[in-house]
Amino acid sequence: MMNLTHTTGISGRKVAIIGVGYVGASIAYALTIKGIVREIVMIEHPDATDKCMAEINDIRHGIRQIGLPNIYNGTFADIKDCDLIVVAAGRNRRPGESRLELASDNLKTAEIITGEIKRHYNKGVVLIVTNPVDIITKAMTGWLALPDGLVFSTGCLLDSSRLINVISDFIGLSPDGINAHVIGEHGDGQIALWSKVMISGIPIAEYCQMTGITFNDDVKATMEKKVLTMGAEIIKGKGRTHYGISTCVCYIADAILDHRPTIVSVSSVLHGEYGIKDVALSLPSIIDANGIKRRLTDTLDANELSKLKKVADMLAAYK
């Protein structure tokens, strides 16, 4: 049984990153540049110690004036007293491969990591980045058996950011004034919440009508496809994605470490929201130092709700 002395709090701004591949290293770099952590422990397989130390030194050798944290190569024992534990271990998608095709390999890795976390955990939020995040989140939530909200994943936060950028290009405005969320699966089952998209507080359909921009189902379908295929296109071009997800983790870390409640579309195991249980899916959620404080269940239109239940059934069938 895990020794839980406490589970929440800001305290030392200590973050553990499990898995020091391109994603893990980019997360450490983003957190360093943002200046929101005091201590980063990097945890990697002993066979990859040289690579891990190279990544650490590459970050540490930056200009000291930006406020470098204490960053070091550690072990699972060092997750004690962490405010945030980021799980980024596992292999990446190969060109042409879906996220779900990663499940078998990465679930094995996640189970090993969970056992190590349970041995040393005493506090902190567990944030999962490893794909397929929804399946890994469901499994690790059950294995860790922590209070609801302490285990979740980046989910559709990156997809939401991509949708905002696609809308920004379409309407010719800065992303700053655009509010949009993608929910559901971080994968083929992602759902753009068009009924909730706002341009500086104006529903997108009204904004486009006011400004003479054509906006219809065909336009929405084109933008949805761009968002859905964006990750695969990046992988095709450079072999991996890591910058986008690292900034998403940094955004979540800011909310947790600074106790700054923020609404983001992240994946967690649902407990009856929209009639869905025991499946990990993304919904707009309030996060703070305690993890997920509340999952928001605003009224969805009939098409959005139907899609959400369909993807929930699909993931529930995955064994």
C-alpha atoms as a PDB file:
ATOM      1  CA  MET A   1       0.000   0.000   0.000  1.00  0.00           C
ATOM      2  CA  MET A   2       1.328   3.454  -0.883  1.00  0.00           C
ATOM      3  CA  ASN A   3       2.488   5.760   1.887  1.00  0.00           C
ATOM      4  CA  LEU A   4       0.359   8.869   1.369  1.00  0.00           C
ATOM      5  CA  THR A   5       1.478  11.555   3.765  1.00  0.00           C
ATOM      6  CA  HIS A   6      -0.314  14.190   1.716  1.00  0.00           C
ATOM      7  CA  THR A   7      -1.469  14.521  -1.851  1.00  0.00           C
ATOM      8  CA  THR A   8      -1.682  18.174  -2.706  1.00  0.00           C
ATOM      9  CA  GLY A   9       0.132  21.456  -2.391  1.00  0.00           C
ATOM     10  CA  ILE A  10       2.588  23.716  -4.142  1.00  0.00           C
ATOM     11  CA  SER A  11       5.593  23.474  -1.780  1.00  0.00           C
ATOM     12  CA  GLY A  12       8.922  22.862  -3.526  1.00  0.00           C
ATOM     13  CA  ARG A  13       7.935  23.162  -7.202  1.00  0.00           C
ATOM     14  CA  LYS A  14       9.534  19.779  -7.786  1.00  0.00           C
ATOM     15  CA  VAL A  15       8.796  17.922 -11.022  1.00  0.00           C
ATOM     16  CA  ALA A  16       9.791  14.411 -12.066  1.00  0.00           C
ATOM     17  CA  ILE A  17       9.929  13.499 -15.750  1.00  0.00           C
ATOM     18  CA  ILE A  18       9.870   9.772 -16.441  1.00  0.00           C
ATOM     19  CA  GLY A  19      11.272   9.094 -19.905  1.00  0.00           C
ATOM     20  CA  VAL A  20      13.961  11.320 -21.396  1.00  0.00           C
ATOM     21  CA  GLY A  21      13.382  10.942 -25.105  1.00  0.00           C
ATOM     22  CA  TYR A  22      12.601  13.873 -27.369  1.00  0.00           C
ATOM     23  CA  VAL A  23       9.336  14.555 -25.539  1.00  0.00           C
ATOM     24  CA  GLY A  24      10.708  14.273 -22.010  1.00  0.00           C
ATOM     25  CA  ALA A  25      13.760  16.397 -22.793  1.00  0.00           C
ATOM     26  CA  SER A  26      11.634  19.032 -24.533  1.00  0.00           C
ATOM     27  CA  ILE A  27       9.340  19.181 -21.494  1.00  0.00           C
ATOM     28  CA  ALA A  28      12.336  19.758 -19.216  1.00  0.00           C
ATOM     29  CA  TYR A  29      13.603  22.506 -21.512  1.00  0.00           C
ATOM     30  CA  ALA A  30      10.185  24.199 -21.716  1.00  0.00           C
ATOM     31  CA  LEU A  31       9.807  24.128 -17.927  1.00  0.00           C
ATOM     32  CA  THR A  32      13.291  25.607 -17.556  1.00  0.00           C
ATOM     33  CA  ILE A  33      12.634  28.442 -19.997  1.00  0.00           C
ATOM     34  CA  LYS A  34       9.270  29.169 -18.362  1.00  0.00           C
ATOM     35  CA  GLY A  35      11.000  29.460 -14.982  1.00  0.00           C
ATOM     36  CA  ILE A  36       8.247  27.831 -12.929  1.00  0.00           C
ATOM     37  CA  VAL A  37      10.187  24.928 -11.372  1.00  0.00           C
ATOM     38  CA  ARG A  38      12.926  24.772  -8.758  1.00  0.00           C
ATOM     39  CA  GLU A  39      13.838  21.121  -9.184  1.00  0.00           C
ATOM     40  CA  ILE A  40      13.553  18.668 -12.084  1.00  0.00           C
ATOM     41  CA  VAL A  41      14.457  15.013 -11.658  1.00  0.00           C
ATOM     42  CA  MET A  42      14.925  13.136 -14.928  1.00  0.00           C
ATOM     43  CA  ILE A  43      14.293   9.391 -14.707  1.00  0.00           C
ATOM     44  CA  GLU A  44      15.418   7.040 -17.469  1.00  0.00           C
ATOM     45  CA  HIS A  45      16.397   3.393 -17.894  1.00  0.00           C
ATOM     46  CA  PRO A  46      19.973   2.801 -16.632  1.00  0.00           C
ATOM     47  CA  ASP A  47      21.024   1.776 -20.148  1.00  0.00           C
ATOM     48  CA  ALA A  48      20.210   5.325 -21.309  1.00  0.00           C
ATOM     49  CA  THR A  49      22.104   7.184 -18.574  1.00  0.00           C
ATOM     50  CA  ASP A  50      24.608   8.733 -20.995  1.00  0.00           C
ATOM     51  CA  LYS A  51      21.846  10.095 -23.202  1.00  0.00           C
ATOM     52  CA  CYS A  52      19.954  11.381 -20.164  1.00  0.00           C
ATOM     53  CA  MET A  53      23.024  13.185 -18.826  1.00  0.00           C
ATOM     54  CA  ALA A  54      23.673  14.698 -22.244  1.00  0.00           C
ATOM     55  CA  GLU A  55      20.157  16.167 -22.302  1.00  0.00           C
ATOM     56  CA  ILE A  56      20.549  17.471 -18.753  1.00  0.00           C
ATOM     57  CA  ASN A  57      23.892  19.114 -19.467  1.00  0.00           C
ATOM     58  CA  ASP A  58      22.600  20.638 -22.694  1.00  0.00           C
ATOM     59  CA  ILE A  59      19.879  22.362 -20.646  1.00  0.00           C
ATOM     60  CA  ARG A  60      22.135  23.236 -17.698  1.00  0.00           C
ATOM     61  CA  HIS A  61      24.714  24.897 -19.916  1.00  0.00           C
ATOM     62  CA  GLY A  62      22.272  27.633 -20.883  1.00  0.00           C
ATOM     63  CA  ILE A  63      22.631  31.183 -19.623  1.00  0.00           C
ATOM     64  CA  ARG A  64      22.280  31.193 -15.833  1.00  0.00           C
ATOM     65  CA  GLN A  65      20.438  34.529 -15.860  1.00  0.00           C
ATOM     66  CA  ILE A  66      17.245  32.825 -17.071  1.00  0.00           C
ATOM     67  CA  GLY A  67      17.046  31.096 -13.704  1.00  0.00           C
ATOM     68  CA  LEU A  68      17.978  27.471 -14.266  1.00  0.00           C
ATOM     69  CA  PRO A  69      16.391  24.961 -11.866  1.00  0.00           C
ATOM     70  CA  ASN A  70      18.269  22.162 -10.146  1.00  0.00           C
ATOM     71  CA  ILE A  71      18.028  19.477 -12.841  1.00  0.00           C
ATOM     72  CA  TYR A  72      19.578  16.046 -12.367  1.00  0.00           C
ATOM     73  CA  ASN A  73      19.493  12.377 -13.316  1.00  0.00           C
ATOM     74  CA  GLY A  74      17.607  10.503 -10.608  1.00  0.00           C
ATOM     75  CA  THR A  75      15.777   7.305  -9.804  1.00  0.00           C
ATOM     76  CA  PHE A  76      12.179   6.486  -8.943  1.00  0.00           C
ATOM     77  CA  ALA A  77      13.041   7.043  -5.288  1.00  0.00           C
ATOM     78  CA  ASP A  78      13.416  10.730  -6.161  1.00  0.00           C
ATOM     79  CA  ILE A  79       9.715  11.132  -6.975  1.00  0.00           C
ATOM     80  CA  LYS A  80       9.114  11.568  -3.247  1.00  0.00           C
ATOM     81  CA  ASP A  81       7.726  15.054  -2.519  1.00  0.00           C
ATOM     82  CA  CYS A  82       7.140  15.854  -6.196  1.00  0.00           C
ATOM     83  CA  ASP A  83       4.342  18.280  -6.993  1.00  0.00           C
ATOM     84  CA  LEU A  84       4.065  16.912 -10.521  1.00  0.00           C
ATOM     85  CA  ILE A  85       5.112  13.554 -11.994  1.00  0.00           C
ATOM     86  CA  VAL A  86       5.154  13.494 -15.799  1.00  0.00           C
ATOM     87  CA  VAL A  87       5.038  10.091 -17.507  1.00  0.00           C
ATOM     88  CA  ALA A  88       6.590  10.428 -20.971  1.00  0.00           C
ATOM     89  CA  ALA A  89       8.151   6.981 -21.355  1.00  0.00           C
ATOM     90  CA  GLY A  90       7.334   4.681 -24.236  1.00  0.00           C
ATOM     91  CA  ARG A  91       8.019   4.468 -27.916  1.00  0.00           C
ATOM     92  CA  ASN A  92       6.791   7.092 -30.359  1.00  0.00           C
ATOM     93  CA  ARG A  93       4.414   6.675 -33.274  1.00  0.00           C
ATOM     94  CA  ARG A  94       6.007   5.548 -36.500  1.00  0.00           C
ATOM     95  CA  PRO A  95       5.063   7.189 -39.814  1.00  0.00           C
ATOM     96  CA  GLY A  96       1.637   5.892 -40.857  1.00  0.00           C
ATOM     97  CA  GLU A  97       0.909   4.356 -37.445  1.00  0.00           C
ATOM     98  CA  SER A  98      -2.126   5.290 -35.348  1.00  0.00           C
ATOM     99  CA  ARG A  99      -1.888   6.114 -31.649  1.00  0.00           C
ATOM    100  CA  LEU A 100      -3.959   3.043 -30.789  1.00  0.00           C
ATOM    101  CA  GLU A 101      -1.378   0.812 -32.475  1.00  0.00           C
ATOM    102  CA  LEU A 102       1.060   1.885 -29.749  1.00  0.00           C
ATOM    103  CA  ALA A 103      -1.145   0.528 -26.976  1.00  0.00           C
ATOM    104  CA  SER A 104       0.296  -2.964 -26.550  1.00  0.00           C
ATOM    105  CA  ASP A 105       3.936  -1.866 -26.256  1.00  0.00           C
ATOM    106  CA  ASN A 106       3.343   1.236 -24.177  1.00  0.00           C
ATOM    107  CA  LEU A 107       0.904  -0.399 -21.749  1.00  0.00           C
ATOM    108  CA  LYS A 108       3.673  -2.836 -20.776  1.00  0.00           C
ATOM    109  CA  THR A 109       6.013   0.068 -20.095  1.00  0.00           C
ATOM    110  CA  ALA A 110       3.301   1.958 -18.193  1.00  0.00           C
ATOM    111  CA  GLU A 111       2.653  -1.036 -15.926  1.00  0.00           C
ATOM    112  CA  ILE A 112       6.322  -1.258 -14.971  1.00  0.00           C
ATOM    113  CA  ILE A 113       6.456   2.484 -14.298  1.00  0.00           C
ATOM    114  CA  THR A 114       3.280   2.325 -12.204  1.00  0.00           C
ATOM    115  CA  GLY A 115       4.832  -0.298  -9.947  1.00  0.00           C
ATOM    116  CA  GLU A 116       7.852   1.944  -9.358  1.00  0.00           C
ATOM    117  CA  ILE A 117       5.701   5.020  -8.715  1.00  0.00           C
ATOM    118  CA  LYS A 118       3.620   3.120  -6.140  1.00  0.00           C
ATOM    119  CA  ARG A 119       6.766   2.169  -4.222  1.00  0.00           C
ATOM    120  CA  HIS A 120       7.842   5.780  -3.677  1.00  0.00           C
ATOM    121  CA  TYR A 121       4.823   8.060  -4.175  1.00  0.00           C
ATOM    122  CA  ASN A 122       3.736  10.274  -1.302  1.00  0.00           C
ATOM    123  CA  LYS A 123       2.166  13.276  -3.069  1.00  0.00           C
ATOM    124  CA  GLY A 124       1.662  15.082  -6.353  1.00  0.00           C
ATOM    125  CA  VAL A 125      -0.266  15.029  -9.599  1.00  0.00           C
ATOM    126  CA  VAL A 126       0.513  12.270 -12.115  1.00  0.00           C
ATOM    127  CA  LEU A 127       0.333  13.639 -15.662  1.00  0.00           C
ATOM    128  CA  ILE A 128       0.450  11.134 -18.531  1.00  0.00           C
ATOM    129  CA  VAL A 129       1.879  12.091 -21.913  1.00  0.00           C
ATOM    130  CA  THR A 130       2.597   8.616 -23.314  1.00  0.00           C
ATOM    131  CA  ASN A 131       0.362   7.610 -26.234  1.00  0.00           C
ATOM    132  CA  PRO A 132      -2.279   6.368 -26.565  1.00  0.00           C
ATOM    133  CA  VAL A 133      -2.984   8.682 -23.639  1.00  0.00           C
ATOM    134  CA  ASP A 134      -6.633   7.738 -23.099  1.00  0.00           C
ATOM    135  CA  ILE A 135      -5.907   4.018 -22.791  1.00  0.00           C
ATOM    136  CA  ILE A 136      -2.773   4.591 -20.692  1.00  0.00           C
ATOM    137  CA  THR A 137      -4.703   6.994 -18.435  1.00  0.00           C
ATOM    138  CA  LYS A 138      -7.494   4.474 -17.852  1.00  0.00           C
ATOM    139  CA  ALA A 139      -4.985   1.748 -16.986  1.00  0.00           C
ATOM    140  CA  MET A 140      -2.731   3.835 -14.734  1.00  0.00           C
ATOM    141  CA  THR A 141      -5.682   5.379 -12.909  1.00  0.00           C
ATOM    142  CA  GLY A 142      -6.809   1.882 -11.945  1.00  0.00           C
ATOM    143  CA  TRP A 143      -3.340   0.644 -11.079  1.00  0.00           C
ATOM    144  CA  LEU A 144      -2.397   3.657  -8.939  1.00  0.00           C
ATOM    145  CA  ALA A 145      -5.782   3.877  -7.165  1.00  0.00           C
ATOM    146  CA  LEU A 146      -5.216   7.509  -6.157  1.00  0.00           C
ATOM    147  CA  PRO A 147      -8.036   9.928  -5.305  1.00  0.00           C
ATOM    148  CA  ASP A 148     -10.046  11.109  -8.311  1.00  0.00           C
ATOM    149  CA  GLY A 149      -8.361  13.917 -10.230  1.00  0.00           C
ATOM    150  CA  LEU A 150      -4.757  13.191  -9.294  1.00  0.00           C
ATOM    151  CA  VAL A 151      -4.139  11.110 -12.435  1.00  0.00           C
ATOM    152  CA  PHE A 152      -4.931  12.534 -15.853  1.00  0.00           C
ATOM    153  CA  SER A 153      -3.309  13.109 -19.225  1.00  0.00           C
ATOM    154  CA  THR A 154      -2.683  15.929 -21.658  1.00  0.00           C
ATOM    155  CA  GLY A 155      -5.563  14.472 -23.673  1.00  0.00           C
ATOM    156  CA  CYS A 156      -6.944  16.828 -26.306  1.00  0.00           C
ATOM    157  CA  LEU A 157      -5.152  19.961 -25.084  1.00  0.00           C
ATOM    158  CA  LEU A 158      -2.729  19.816 -28.023  1.00  0.00           C
ATOM    159  CA  ASP A 159      -5.601  19.145 -30.436  1.00  0.00           C
ATOM    160  CA  SER A 160      -7.432  22.160 -28.981  1.00  0.00           C
ATOM    161  CA  SER A 161      -4.374  24.324 -29.532  1.00  0.00           C
ATOM    162  CA  ARG A 162      -4.096  23.070 -33.097  1.00  0.00           C
ATOM    163  CA  LEU A 163      -7.779  23.849 -33.711  1.00  0.00           C
ATOM    164  CA  ILE A 164      -7.286  27.385 -32.414  1.00  0.00           C
ATOM    165  CA  ASN A 165      -4.347  27.858 -34.778  1.00  0.00           C
ATOM    166  CA  VAL A 166      -6.327  26.517 -37.745  1.00  0.00           C
ATOM    167  CA  ILE A 167      -9.238  28.856 -36.934  1.00  0.00           C
ATOM    168  CA  SER A 168      -6.788  31.734 -36.533  1.00  0.00           C
ATOM    169  CA  ASP A 169      -5.421  31.145 -40.034  1.00  0.00           C
ATOM    170  CA  PHE A 170      -8.948  30.822 -41.432  1.00  0.00           C
ATOM    171  CA  ILE A 171     -10.366  34.068 -40.016  1.00  0.00           C
ATOM    172  CA  GLY A 172      -7.111  36.042 -40.098  1.00  0.00           C
ATOM    173  CA  LEU A 173      -7.014  36.961 -36.408  1.00  0.00           C
ATOM    174  CA  SER A 174      -4.545  36.323 -33.609  1.00  0.00           C
ATOM    175  CA  PRO A 175      -5.150  33.089 -31.655  1.00  0.00           C
ATOM    176  CA  ASP A 176      -5.361  35.165 -28.463  1.00  0.00           C
ATOM    177  CA  GLY A 177      -9.025  36.027 -29.006  1.00  0.00           C
ATOM    178  CA  ILE A 178     -10.141  32.513 -29.954  1.00  0.00           C
ATOM    179  CA  ASN A 179     -11.626  30.077 -27.444  1.00  0.00           C
ATOM    180  CA  ALA A 180     -12.099  26.522 -28.705  1.00  0.00           C
ATOM    181  CA  HIS A 181     -11.943  23.000 -27.313  1.00  0.00           C
ATOM    182  CA  VAL A 182     -11.505  19.542 -28.754  1.00  0.00           C
ATOM    183  CA  ILE A 183     -12.932  16.718 -26.639  1.00  0.00           C
ATOM    184  CA  GLY A 184     -13.118  12.919 -26.825  1.00  0.00           C
ATOM    185  CA  GLU A 185     -10.154  10.770 -27.822  1.00  0.00           C
ATOM    186  CA  HIS A 186      -6.691  12.109 -28.493  1.00  0.00           C
ATOM    187  CA  GLY A 187      -6.763  10.384 -31.851  1.00  0.00           C
ATOM    188  CA  ASP A 188      -9.266   9.603 -34.566  1.00  0.00           C
ATOM    189  CA  GLY A 189     -12.148  10.020 -32.114  1.00  0.00           C
ATOM    190  CA  GLN A 190     -11.471  13.697 -31.412  1.00  0.00           C
ATOM    191  CA  ILE A 191     -14.459  16.052 -31.549  1.00  0.00           C
ATOM    192  CA  ALA A 192     -14.264  19.776 -32.263  1.00  0.00           C
ATOM    193  CA  LEU A 193     -16.840  21.600 -30.126  1.00  0.00           C
ATOM    194  CA  TRP A 194     -18.005  24.017 -32.804  1.00  0.00           C
ATOM    195  CA  SER A 195     -21.084  24.904 -30.749  1.00  0.00           C
ATOM    196  CA  LYS A 196     -18.779  26.490 -28.147  1.00  0.00           C
ATOM    197  CA  VAL A 197     -16.156  28.201 -30.345  1.00  0.00           C
ATOM    198  CA  MET A 198     -15.954  31.915 -29.558  1.00  0.00           C
ATOM    199  CA  ILE A 199     -14.145  34.743 -31.335  1.00  0.00           C
ATOM    200  CA  SER A 200     -13.627  37.471 -28.711  1.00  0.00           C
ATOM    201  CA  GLY A 201     -16.825  36.339 -27.027  1.00  0.00           C
ATOM    202  CA  ILE A 202     -18.852  36.063 -30.260  1.00  0.00           C
ATOM    203  CA  PRO A 203     -19.967  32.618 -31.521  1.00  0.00           C
ATOM    204  CA  ILE A 204     -17.882  31.760 -34.573  1.00  0.00           C
ATOM    205  CA  ALA A 205     -20.906  31.418 -36.889  1.00  0.00           C
ATOM    206  CA  GLU A 206     -22.101  34.902 -35.929  1.00  0.00           C
ATOM    207  CA  TYR A 207     -18.610  36.356 -36.277  1.00  0.00           C
ATOM    208  CA  CYS A 208     -18.176  34.908 -39.772  1.00  0.00           C
ATOM    209  CA  GLN A 209     -21.603  36.172 -40.815  1.00  0.00           C
ATOM    210  CA  MET A 210     -20.767  39.660 -39.510  1.00  0.00           C
ATOM    211  CA  THR A 211     -17.442  39.749 -41.357  1.00  0.00           C
ATOM    212  CA  GLY A 212     -18.556  38.109 -44.608  1.00  0.00           C
ATOM    213  CA  ILE A 213     -16.548  34.904 -44.131  1.00  0.00           C
ATOM    214  CA  THR A 214     -18.076  31.713 -45.508  1.00  0.00           C
ATOM    215  CA  PHE A 215     -18.567  29.266 -42.651  1.00  0.00           C
ATOM    216  CA  ASN A 216     -20.470  26.019 -43.157  1.00  0.00           C
ATOM    217  CA  ASP A 217     -20.226  22.270 -42.577  1.00  0.00           C
ATOM    218  CA  ASP A 218     -17.737  21.822 -45.412  1.00  0.00           C
ATOM    219  CA  VAL A 219     -15.458  24.482 -43.931  1.00  0.00           C
ATOM    220  CA  LYS A 220     -15.680  22.870 -40.501  1.00  0.00           C
ATOM    221  CA  ALA A 221     -14.912  19.431 -41.951  1.00  0.00           C
ATOM    222  CA  THR A 222     -11.831  20.806 -43.730  1.00  0.00           C
ATOM    223  CA  MET A 223     -10.524  22.372 -40.524  1.00  0.00           C
ATOM    224  CA  GLU A 224     -11.261  19.221 -38.512  1.00  0.00           C
ATOM    225  CA  LYS A 225      -9.246  17.153 -40.987  1.00  0.00           C
ATOM    226  CA  LYS A 226      -6.304  19.546 -40.714  1.00  0.00           C
ATOM    227  CA  VAL A 227      -6.314  19.211 -36.932  1.00  0.00           C
ATOM    228  CA  LEU A 228      -6.704  15.429 -37.055  1.00  0.00           C
ATOM    229  CA  THR A 229      -3.851  14.857 -39.508  1.00  0.00           C
ATOM    230  CA  MET A 230      -1.488  17.526 -38.210  1.00  0.00           C
ATOM    231  CA  GLY A 231       0.426  15.186 -35.901  1.00  0.00           C
ATOM    232  CA  ALA A 232       0.902  12.592 -38.639  1.00  0.00           C
ATOM    233  CA  GLU A 233       2.069  15.283 -41.058  1.00  0.00           C
ATOM    234  CA  ILE A 234       4.671  16.496 -38.566  1.00  0.00           C
ATOM    235  CA  ILE A 235       5.866  12.931 -37.983  1.00  0.00           C
ATOM    236  CA  LYS A 236       6.088  12.405 -41.746  1.00  0.00           C
ATOM    237  CA  GLY A 237       8.184  15.525 -42.106  1.00  0.00           C
ATOM    238  CA  LYS A 238      10.551  15.251 -39.123  1.00  0.00           C
ATOM    239  CA  GLY A 239       9.999  11.807 -37.624  1.00  0.00           C
ATOM    240  CA  ARG A 240       8.421  12.911 -34.349  1.00  0.00           C
ATOM    241  CA  THR A 241       6.432  15.570 -32.515  1.00  0.00           C
ATOM    242  CA  HIS A 242       7.705  17.045 -29.263  1.00  0.00           C
ATOM    243  CA  TYR A 243       7.633  20.868 -29.136  1.00  0.00           C
ATOM    244  CA  GLY A 244       3.849  21.227 -29.173  1.00  0.00           C
ATOM    245  CA  ILE A 245       3.199  18.671 -26.442  1.00  0.00           C
ATOM    246  CA  SER A 246       6.023  20.043 -24.292  1.00  0.00           C
ATOM    247  CA  THR A 247       4.436  23.502 -24.222  1.00  0.00           C
ATOM    248  CA  CYS A 248       1.089  21.889 -23.349  1.00  0.00           C
ATOM    249  CA  VAL A 249       2.712  20.153 -20.374  1.00  0.00           C
ATOM    250  CA  CYS A 250       4.306  23.455 -19.379  1.00  0.00           C
ATOM    251  CA  TYR A 251       0.873  25.144 -19.472  1.00  0.00           C
ATOM    252  CA  ILE A 252      -0.592  22.443 -17.219  1.00  0.00           C
ATOM    253  CA  ALA A 253       2.429  22.607 -14.898  1.00  0.00           C
ATOM    254  CA  ASP A 254       1.927  26.353 -14.523  1.00  0.00           C
ATOM    255  CA  ALA A 255      -1.632  25.760 -13.301  1.00  0.00           C
ATOM    256  CA  ILE A 256      -0.492  23.072 -10.857  1.00  0.00           C
ATOM    257  CA  LEU A 257       2.693  24.646  -9.494  1.00  0.00           C
ATOM    258  CA  ASP A 258       1.306  28.177  -9.217  1.00  0.00           C
ATOM    259  CA  HIS A 259      -2.093  26.959  -7.990  1.00  0.00           C
ATOM    260  CA  ARG A 260      -3.657  28.863 -10.868  1.00  0.00           C
ATOM    261  CA  PRO A 261      -7.026  27.251 -11.729  1.00  0.00           C
ATOM    262  CA  THR A 262      -7.203  26.832 -15.498  1.00  0.00           C
ATOM    263  CA  ILE A 263      -9.722  25.252 -17.871  1.00  0.00           C
ATOM    264  CA  VAL A 264      -8.148  22.809 -20.334  1.00  0.00           C
ATOM    265  CA  SER A 265      -9.365  19.811 -22.328  1.00  0.00           C
ATOM    266  CA  VAL A 266      -7.567  16.926 -20.621  1.00  0.00           C
ATOM    267  CA  SER A 267      -8.302  13.219 -20.368  1.00  0.00           C
ATOM    268  CA  SER A 268      -9.362  11.461 -17.190  1.00  0.00           C
ATOM    269  CA  VAL A 269     -11.568   8.539 -16.218  1.00  0.00           C
ATOM    270  CA  LEU A 270     -15.180   9.700 -16.303  1.00  0.00           C
ATOM    271  CA  HIS A 271     -17.679   8.962 -13.547  1.00  0.00           C
ATOM    272  CA  GLY A 272     -21.031   9.469 -15.219  1.00  0.00           C
ATOM    273  CA  GLU A 273     -20.442  12.705 -17.140  1.00  0.00           C
ATOM    274  CA  TYR A 274     -22.777  12.602 -20.163  1.00  0.00           C
ATOM    275  CA  GLY A 275     -23.741   9.112 -18.974  1.00  0.00           C
ATOM    276  CA  ILE A 276     -20.200   7.790 -19.559  1.00  0.00           C
ATOM    277  CA  LYS A 277     -18.326   5.768 -16.933  1.00  0.00           C
ATOM    278  CA  ASP A 278     -14.997   3.936 -16.626  1.00  0.00           C
ATOM    279  CA  VAL A 279     -13.539   5.357 -19.838  1.00  0.00           C
ATOM    280  CA  ALA A 280     -10.820   8.002 -20.067  1.00  0.00           C
ATOM    281  CA  LEU A 281     -11.793  10.829 -22.426  1.00  0.00           C
ATOM    282  CA  SER A 282     -11.045  14.529 -22.693  1.00  0.00           C
ATOM    283  CA  LEU A 283     -13.494  17.111 -21.421  1.00  0.00           C
ATOM    284  CA  PRO A 284     -12.881  20.761 -20.537  1.00  0.00           C
ATOM    285  CA  SER A 285     -11.728  20.491 -16.923  1.00  0.00           C
ATOM    286  CA  ILE A 286     -10.675  22.855 -14.157  1.00  0.00           C
ATOM    287  CA  ILE A 287      -7.157  21.971 -13.007  1.00  0.00           C
ATOM    288  CA  ASP A 288      -5.118  23.358 -10.126  1.00  0.00           C
ATOM    289  CA  ALA A 289      -2.568  22.116  -7.580  1.00  0.00           C
ATOM    290  CA  ASN A 290      -4.912  19.234  -6.721  1.00  0.00           C
ATOM    291  CA  GLY A 291      -5.158  18.011 -10.307  1.00  0.00           C
ATOM    292  CA  ILE A 292      -8.602  17.945 -11.851  1.00  0.00           C
ATOM    293  CA  LYS A 293     -10.952  19.904  -9.621  1.00  0.00           C
ATOM    294  CA  ARG A 294     -14.013  19.502 -11.829  1.00  0.00           C
ATOM    295  CA  ARG A 295     -14.976  18.192 -15.255  1.00  0.00           C
ATOM    296  CA  LEU A 296     -17.249  20.653 -17.023  1.00  0.00           C
ATOM    297  CA  THR A 297     -20.378  19.289 -18.689  1.00  0.00           C
ATOM    298  CA  ASP A 298     -21.925  22.119 -20.643  1.00  0.00           C
ATOM    299  CA  THR A 299     -24.802  21.323 -22.998  1.00  0.00           C
ATOM    300  CA  LEU A 300     -23.548  19.758 -26.234  1.00  0.00           C
ATOM    301  CA  ASP A 301     -25.483  19.747 -29.478  1.00  0.00           C
ATOM    302  CA  ALA A 302     -26.965  16.412 -30.549  1.00  0.00           C
ATOM    303  CA  ASN A 303     -24.206  15.649 -33.050  1.00  0.00           C
ATOM    304  CA  GLU A 304     -21.394  16.366 -30.576  1.00  0.00           C
ATOM    305  CA  LEU A 305     -23.029  14.235 -27.870  1.00  0.00           C
ATOM    306  CA  SER A 306     -23.604  11.361 -30.292  1.00  0.00           C
ATOM    307  CA  LYS A 307     -19.945  11.434 -31.371  1.00  0.00           C
ATOM    308  CA  LEU A 308     -18.758  11.516 -27.748  1.00  0.00           C
ATOM    309  CA  LYS A 309     -20.808   8.465 -26.799  1.00  0.00           C
ATOM    310  CA  LYS A 310     -19.642   6.628 -29.911  1.00  0.00           C
ATOM    311  CA  VAL A 311     -15.973   7.144 -29.119  1.00  0.00           C
ATOM    312  CA  ALA A 312     -16.615   6.213 -25.484  1.00  0.00           C
ATOM    313  CA  ASP A 313     -18.096   2.896 -26.638  1.00  0.00           C
ATOM    314  CA  MET A 314     -15.123   2.336 -28.924  1.00  0.00           C
ATOM    315  CA  LEU A 315     -12.575   2.880 -26.154  1.00  0.00           C
ATOM    316  CA  ALA A 316     -14.623   0.873 -23.655  1.00  0.00           C
ATOM    317  CA  ALA A 317     -14.396  -2.098 -26.026  1.00  0.00           C
ATOM    318  CA  TYR A 318     -10.589  -1.902 -26.089  1.00  0.00           C
ATOM    319  CA  LYS A 319      -9.050  -4.612 -23.909  1.00  0.00           C
END
